[in-house]
Protein backbone atom coordinates (compact mmCIF):
# COMPACT_ATOMS: atom_id res chain seq x y z
CA MET A 1 71.79 151.44 -11.04
CA THR A 2 72.78 149.45 -7.98
CA GLU A 3 70.42 147.88 -5.47
CA GLU A 4 71.75 150.24 -2.80
CA SER A 5 71.09 153.33 -4.91
CA VAL A 6 67.56 152.11 -5.65
CA LYS A 7 66.93 151.51 -1.93
CA SER A 8 68.35 154.93 -1.09
CA THR A 9 65.99 156.61 -3.55
CA ILE A 10 63.03 154.62 -2.21
CA ILE A 11 63.92 155.65 1.35
CA THR A 12 64.14 159.29 0.27
CA ILE A 13 60.69 159.04 -1.33
CA LEU A 14 59.19 157.32 1.72
CA THR A 15 60.65 159.97 4.02
CA ARG A 16 59.13 162.70 1.85
CA LEU A 17 55.72 160.96 1.73
CA MET A 18 55.66 160.15 5.45
CA PRO A 19 57.73 162.86 7.16
CA SER A 20 56.95 161.56 10.65
CA TYR A 21 59.43 158.77 9.85
CA GLU A 22 63.05 159.78 9.34
CA SER A 23 65.24 158.09 6.75
CA ASN A 24 67.11 156.07 9.36
CA TYR A 25 63.78 154.46 10.35
CA TRP A 26 63.44 152.95 6.87
CA SER A 27 67.01 151.67 6.97
CA GLN A 28 66.37 149.90 10.29
CA GLN A 29 62.72 148.92 9.77
CA PRO A 30 62.23 148.07 6.12
CA GLU A 31 58.70 146.65 6.47
CA LEU A 32 55.94 148.69 4.87
CA PHE A 33 52.66 147.02 4.06
CA GLY A 34 50.78 146.20 7.24
CA ALA A 35 53.58 147.47 9.51
CA VAL A 36 53.22 151.24 9.10
CA PRO A 37 49.76 152.74 9.74
CA GLU A 38 50.51 155.72 7.49
CA PHE A 39 51.27 153.40 4.58
CA ASP A 40 47.69 153.53 3.33
CA SER A 41 46.13 153.47 -0.13
CA MET A 42 46.81 157.16 -0.80
CA THR A 43 50.44 156.79 0.22
CA ILE A 44 50.77 153.76 -2.04
CA VAL A 45 49.30 155.70 -4.98
CA ASN A 46 51.71 158.58 -4.31
CA LEU A 47 54.63 156.16 -3.92
CA ILE A 48 53.82 154.51 -7.25
CA GLY A 49 53.79 157.89 -8.99
CA GLU A 50 57.10 158.86 -7.39
CA LEU A 51 58.68 155.52 -8.31
CA GLU A 52 57.53 155.82 -11.92
CA ASP A 53 58.84 159.39 -12.17
CA ASN A 54 62.16 158.79 -10.39
CA PHE A 55 63.04 155.55 -12.14
CA ASP A 56 61.40 156.32 -15.50
CA ILE A 57 59.31 153.15 -15.40
CA GLU A 58 55.64 152.29 -15.72
CA LEU A 59 54.22 149.79 -13.26
CA ASP A 60 51.41 147.54 -14.46
CA ASP A 61 48.37 146.83 -12.32
CA ASP A 62 49.72 143.29 -11.87
CA ASP A 63 52.83 144.78 -10.22
CA ILE A 64 50.78 146.48 -7.50
CA THR A 65 50.61 143.67 -4.95
CA ALA A 66 51.02 143.47 -1.18
CA GLU A 67 54.02 141.22 -1.78
CA ASN A 68 55.79 143.77 -4.01
CA PHE A 69 55.14 146.57 -1.50
CA ALA A 70 55.78 144.59 1.70
CA THR A 71 59.30 145.89 2.35
CA VAL A 72 61.84 148.37 1.04
CA ASP A 73 63.72 145.36 -0.39
CA SER A 74 60.68 144.05 -2.26
CA VAL A 75 59.99 147.49 -3.76
CA ALA A 76 63.66 147.71 -4.79
CA ALA A 77 63.45 144.27 -6.42
CA LEU A 78 60.34 145.35 -8.30
CA ILE A 79 62.13 148.43 -9.63
CA ILE A 80 65.29 146.55 -10.58
CA ASN A 81 63.29 143.91 -12.46
CA GLN A 82 61.45 146.46 -14.63
């Protein structure tokens, strides 16, 4: 799985979770945590579930940090390093 395919899947998930933002928004504005008002605790919980299902991984509590969920790139790095 390439970094680009991981990012593409993450963007698809984010677009589904926050439909007011189109996929091209996430490609141009990759910041998440603190930058998008809709990126709240419920969205993060839903995103974690989607990531675990889509990538067949299990994230530990230690993985759930503001740093790991700051940008699309940081989420992609977290997934790739699992």
